[in-house]
Amino acid sequence: MGDRVDAPPARGGEPSTQDGAGRTVLMVDDDPDVRTSVARGLRHSGFDVRVAATGKEALRLLSSESHDALVLDVQMPELDGVAVVTALRALGNDIPICVLSARDTVNDRIAGLEAGADDYLTKPFDLGELVARLHALLRRAHHSDPTSDTMTVGSLTIDTARRLVFVAGERVELTKREFDLLAALAENAGVVLSRQRLLELVWGYDFDVDTNVADVFVSYLRRKLERDDLPRVIHTVRGIGYVLREEP
């Protein structure tokens, strides 16, 4: 289990993968304990990490140095995280951004995402989850490149530019909503997405948290994509949600 990060952070194990190798992340938080703990965990996962204590310092570093992703606390003095995100997007900076916040209302998440953040993680959080989300954001940024618009997971191939899906080379017809759901899972391949997160990514924020619409559409996808002679790629994580991955 990775560290649980709040203020101050609890101590524990850390994620040990090295998938962040070669990627530079800017970590911004005015709390030195959180800043140090998160930076340490990200470095342990192979990321090159730079840190900033204020929103103004973050904007200065981002204007003068190259970074692959930004991890940013929302509640900071002088210039808060949402203001930083808004300023970056206004400047045309499309760096992948994950905002951190102790606030967990729908309106708070909407504010962060509508400002231009790519993901929203609530404190306290597990460092392993942050690492997984960064990997997903970096994959998504890579796939948004017009020269790289095909994603493959096992026997499943998704052409995001033409909105086409193939299983073992054979084309499968999906509805618009089915494709959007599959694309959300594929862009976060290997990351467990909760039902609520899928509702946010695919349907917006207008659904009751108890709705089973995500489960229903996952069942539709499975009927169309799964074959007895091929390994399953859409997996259920009991009590949480779903993950797209090649291994059983």
Protein backbone atom coordinates (compact mmCIF):
# COMPACT_ATOMS: atom_id res chain seq x y z
CA MET A 1 0.00 0.00 0.00
CA GLY A 2 1.38 3.45 -0.85
CA ASP A 3 1.54 6.50 1.42
CA ARG A 4 -1.73 8.22 2.28
CA VAL A 5 -1.16 11.91 1.68
CA ASP A 6 -2.94 14.61 3.64
CA ALA A 7 -1.50 17.34 5.84
CA PRO A 8 0.67 16.10 7.45
CA PRO A 9 1.13 12.90 5.44
CA ALA A 10 1.05 9.46 6.99
CA ARG A 11 4.14 7.32 6.53
CA GLY A 12 4.12 3.93 4.87
CA GLY A 13 5.34 2.11 1.79
CA GLU A 14 5.77 3.87 -1.52
CA PRO A 15 4.97 2.91 -5.10
CA SER A 16 7.96 1.17 -6.61
CA THR A 17 7.36 1.15 -10.35
CA GLN A 18 9.74 3.01 -12.61
CA ASP A 19 7.26 3.88 -15.37
CA GLY A 20 7.83 7.61 -14.87
CA ALA A 21 11.40 7.38 -16.16
CA GLY A 22 12.29 10.34 -18.34
CA ARG A 23 9.16 12.35 -17.44
CA THR A 24 9.39 15.63 -15.54
CA VAL A 25 6.63 16.55 -13.09
CA LEU A 26 6.20 19.89 -11.33
CA MET A 27 4.70 19.40 -7.84
CA VAL A 28 3.09 22.52 -6.34
CA ASP A 29 1.78 22.71 -2.76
CA ASP A 30 2.21 25.34 -0.05
CA ASP A 31 2.36 22.62 2.65
CA PRO A 32 6.02 21.54 2.89
CA ASP A 33 5.15 18.11 4.35
CA VAL A 34 2.77 17.26 1.50
CA ARG A 35 5.17 18.70 -1.06
CA THR A 36 8.07 16.63 0.26
CA SER A 37 6.06 13.41 0.62
CA VAL A 38 4.54 13.56 -2.86
CA ALA A 39 7.83 14.54 -4.50
CA ARG A 40 9.59 11.64 -2.77
CA GLY A 41 6.93 9.17 -3.91
CA LEU A 42 7.03 10.40 -7.50
CA ARG A 43 10.82 10.23 -7.60
CA HIS A 44 10.63 6.67 -6.26
CA SER A 45 8.39 5.89 -9.25
CA GLY A 46 11.02 7.17 -11.67
CA PHE A 47 9.79 10.72 -12.30
CA ASP A 48 12.11 13.70 -12.38
CA VAL A 49 10.36 16.02 -9.90
CA ARG A 50 10.64 19.76 -9.45
CA VAL A 51 8.76 21.55 -6.69
CA ALA A 52 7.17 24.93 -6.07
CA ALA A 53 5.50 26.36 -2.97
CA THR A 54 3.22 28.95 -4.62
CA GLY A 55 1.14 29.41 -7.73
CA LYS A 56 3.29 32.34 -8.83
CA GLU A 57 6.45 30.25 -8.54
CA ALA A 58 4.78 27.49 -10.55
CA LEU A 59 3.89 29.87 -13.39
CA ARG A 60 7.45 31.19 -13.43
CA LEU A 61 8.94 27.69 -13.64
CA LEU A 62 6.48 26.58 -16.31
CA SER A 63 7.30 29.62 -18.44
CA SER A 64 11.04 29.02 -18.27
CA GLU A 65 11.43 25.23 -18.14
CA SER A 66 9.90 22.21 -19.87
CA HIS A 67 7.66 19.85 -17.85
CA ASP A 68 5.60 16.82 -18.85
CA ALA A 69 2.90 17.11 -16.17
CA LEU A 70 1.75 19.33 -13.32
CA VAL A 71 0.46 18.23 -9.89
CA LEU A 72 -1.14 21.21 -8.20
CA ASP A 73 -2.89 21.89 -4.89
CA VAL A 74 -6.08 23.94 -5.16
CA GLN A 75 -6.02 25.75 -1.82
CA MET A 76 -2.95 27.99 -1.86
CA PRO A 77 -2.55 31.62 -0.73
CA GLU A 78 -2.26 34.53 -3.19
CA LEU A 79 -2.81 32.50 -6.37
CA ASP A 80 -4.82 29.32 -5.90
CA GLY A 81 -4.66 26.21 -8.05
CA VAL A 82 -7.74 26.99 -10.14
CA ALA A 83 -6.31 30.42 -10.99
CA VAL A 84 -3.03 28.80 -12.04
CA VAL A 85 -4.84 26.33 -14.30
CA THR A 86 -6.93 29.13 -15.83
CA ALA A 87 -3.81 31.21 -16.50
CA LEU A 88 -1.97 28.31 -18.13
CA ARG A 89 -4.85 27.43 -20.44
CA ALA A 90 -5.31 31.10 -21.38
CA LEU A 91 -1.65 31.10 -22.45
CA GLY A 92 -2.23 28.02 -24.60
CA ASN A 93 -0.23 25.72 -22.33
CA ASP A 94 -1.76 22.23 -22.65
CA ILE A 95 0.40 20.47 -20.03
CA PRO A 96 -1.47 17.58 -18.36
CA ILE A 97 -2.68 18.80 -14.95
CA CYS A 98 -3.85 16.85 -11.90
CA VAL A 99 -5.24 19.09 -9.16
CA LEU A 100 -5.24 18.07 -5.49
CA SER A 101 -7.81 19.25 -2.99
CA ALA A 102 -9.31 18.50 0.41
CA ARG A 103 -12.64 19.59 -1.06
CA ASP A 104 -14.75 16.80 -2.52
CA THR A 105 -18.05 18.32 -3.61
CA VAL A 106 -19.27 18.02 -7.18
CA ASN A 107 -19.11 21.81 -7.56
CA ASP A 108 -15.45 21.86 -6.48
CA ARG A 109 -14.56 19.15 -8.99
CA ILE A 110 -16.48 20.95 -11.72
CA ALA A 111 -14.64 24.21 -10.98
CA GLY A 112 -11.25 22.53 -11.27
CA LEU A 113 -12.06 20.57 -14.41
CA GLU A 114 -13.84 23.45 -16.15
CA ALA A 115 -10.82 25.68 -15.49
CA GLY A 116 -8.87 23.22 -17.63
CA ALA A 117 -7.50 20.60 -15.24
CA ASP A 118 -7.36 17.07 -16.63
CA ASP A 119 -7.93 15.21 -13.36
CA TYR A 120 -8.97 15.90 -9.76
CA LEU A 121 -7.73 13.90 -6.79
CA THR A 122 -9.13 14.38 -3.29
CA LYS A 123 -6.95 14.44 -0.17
CA PRO A 124 -6.12 12.18 1.55
CA PHE A 125 -4.99 10.03 -1.36
CA ASP A 126 -2.70 7.10 -1.99
CA LEU A 127 0.56 7.92 -3.75
CA GLY A 128 0.12 4.84 -5.91
CA GLU A 129 -3.16 6.24 -7.21
CA LEU A 130 -1.53 9.57 -8.05
CA VAL A 131 1.22 7.76 -9.95
CA ALA A 132 -1.37 5.72 -11.87
CA ARG A 133 -3.33 8.85 -12.74
CA LEU A 134 -0.20 10.60 -13.97
CA HIS A 135 0.59 7.63 -16.20
CA ALA A 136 -2.96 7.84 -17.59
CA LEU A 137 -2.68 11.59 -18.21
CA LEU A 138 0.64 11.16 -19.99
CA ARG A 139 -0.78 8.36 -22.15
CA ARG A 140 -3.78 10.52 -22.98
CA ALA A 141 -1.50 13.42 -23.96
CA HIS A 142 0.47 11.05 -26.19
CA HIS A 143 -2.67 9.69 -27.85
CA SER A 144 -3.99 13.21 -28.46
CA ASP A 145 -1.12 13.67 -30.89
CA PRO A 146 -2.65 13.40 -34.38
CA THR A 147 0.23 11.13 -35.38
CA SER A 148 -0.70 8.70 -32.58
CA ASP A 149 -4.46 8.08 -32.59
CA THR A 150 -4.61 4.30 -32.17
CA MET A 151 -4.72 2.50 -28.83
CA THR A 152 -4.24 -1.25 -28.43
CA VAL A 153 -5.05 -3.36 -25.37
CA GLY A 154 -4.69 -7.08 -25.95
CA SER A 155 -6.78 -8.05 -28.98
CA LEU A 156 -8.64 -4.74 -28.83
CA THR A 157 -7.68 -1.84 -31.12
CA ILE A 158 -9.31 1.58 -30.87
CA ASP A 159 -8.91 4.21 -33.59
CA THR A 160 -9.88 7.40 -31.76
CA ALA A 161 -9.62 9.67 -34.81
CA ARG A 162 -12.08 7.63 -36.89
CA ARG A 163 -13.98 6.24 -33.86
CA LEU A 164 -13.47 2.66 -34.99
CA VAL A 165 -13.03 -0.45 -32.85
CA PHE A 166 -11.52 -3.80 -33.85
CA VAL A 167 -11.34 -7.10 -31.97
CA ALA A 168 -8.66 -9.45 -33.32
CA GLY A 169 -8.71 -7.43 -36.54
CA GLU A 170 -12.49 -7.59 -37.00
CA ARG A 171 -14.46 -4.35 -36.85
CA VAL A 172 -17.10 -4.02 -34.11
CA GLU A 173 -19.94 -1.50 -34.33
CA LEU A 174 -20.48 0.60 -31.20
CA THR A 175 -22.97 3.33 -30.39
CA LYS A 176 -21.62 6.81 -29.63
CA ARG A 177 -22.01 6.33 -25.88
CA GLU A 178 -20.46 2.87 -25.96
CA PHE A 179 -17.45 4.23 -27.84
CA ASP A 180 -17.09 7.16 -25.41
CA LEU A 181 -17.12 4.74 -22.47
CA LEU A 182 -14.55 2.45 -24.10
CA ALA A 183 -12.34 5.44 -24.97
CA ALA A 184 -12.45 6.64 -21.35
CA LEU A 185 -11.36 3.21 -20.14
CA ALA A 186 -8.65 2.98 -22.82
CA GLU A 187 -7.23 6.43 -22.09
CA ASN A 188 -6.87 5.25 -18.49
CA ALA A 189 -5.76 1.70 -19.31
CA GLY A 190 -4.48 -0.06 -16.21
CA VAL A 191 -6.16 2.45 -13.89
CA VAL A 192 -9.25 1.43 -11.95
CA LEU A 193 -12.04 3.93 -12.64
CA SER A 194 -14.90 4.15 -10.18
CA ARG A 195 -18.47 4.16 -11.45
CA GLN A 196 -18.79 7.79 -10.39
CA ARG A 197 -15.61 8.71 -12.30
CA LEU A 198 -16.97 7.03 -15.43
CA LEU A 199 -20.20 9.00 -15.05
CA GLU A 200 -18.17 12.20 -14.86
CA LEU A 201 -15.99 11.35 -17.87
CA VAL A 202 -18.70 9.99 -20.17
CA TRP A 203 -22.06 11.37 -19.08
CA GLY A 204 -21.26 14.54 -17.13
CA TYR A 205 -22.51 15.33 -13.63
CA ASP A 206 -26.29 14.95 -13.99
CA PHE A 207 -26.65 11.40 -12.68
CA ASP A 208 -27.53 10.25 -9.19
CA VAL A 209 -24.59 8.48 -7.56
CA ASP A 210 -26.71 5.34 -7.12
CA THR A 211 -27.47 4.95 -10.83
CA ASN A 212 -26.36 1.73 -12.53
CA VAL A 213 -25.99 3.29 -15.98
CA ALA A 214 -22.22 2.67 -16.06
CA ASP A 215 -22.75 -1.02 -15.22
CA VAL A 216 -25.38 -1.34 -17.94
CA PHE A 217 -23.16 0.15 -20.63
CA VAL A 218 -20.17 -1.93 -19.54
CA SER A 219 -22.37 -4.99 -20.03
CA TYR A 220 -23.22 -3.75 -23.53
CA LEU A 221 -19.51 -3.37 -24.32
CA ARG A 222 -18.71 -6.84 -23.03
CA ARG A 223 -21.37 -8.42 -25.22
CA LYS A 224 -19.85 -6.80 -28.29
CA LEU A 225 -16.14 -7.05 -27.48
CA GLU A 226 -15.62 -10.32 -25.64
CA ARG A 227 -15.04 -13.69 -27.27
CA ASP A 228 -14.59 -17.08 -25.67
CA ASP A 229 -11.25 -17.60 -27.42
CA LEU A 230 -9.74 -14.27 -26.29
CA PRO A 231 -8.68 -12.99 -22.84
CA ARG A 232 -11.05 -10.54 -21.20
CA VAL A 233 -9.88 -6.91 -21.28
CA ILE A 234 -12.64 -5.16 -19.28
CA HIS A 235 -12.31 -6.24 -15.65
CA THR A 236 -14.59 -5.57 -12.70
CA VAL A 237 -12.95 -4.43 -9.47
CA ARG A 238 -15.49 -5.39 -6.85
CA GLY A 239 -16.90 -2.50 -4.88
CA ILE A 240 -15.00 0.10 -6.94
CA GLY A 241 -15.52 0.04 -10.69
CA TYR A 242 -13.78 -1.12 -13.85
CA VAL A 243 -10.35 -1.28 -15.45
CA LEU A 244 -9.20 -1.97 -19.01
CA ARG A 245 -6.09 -4.14 -19.08
CA GLU A 246 -4.70 -7.04 -21.07
CA GLU A 247 -3.89 -9.48 -18.30
CA PRO A 248 -6.73 -11.55 -16.77
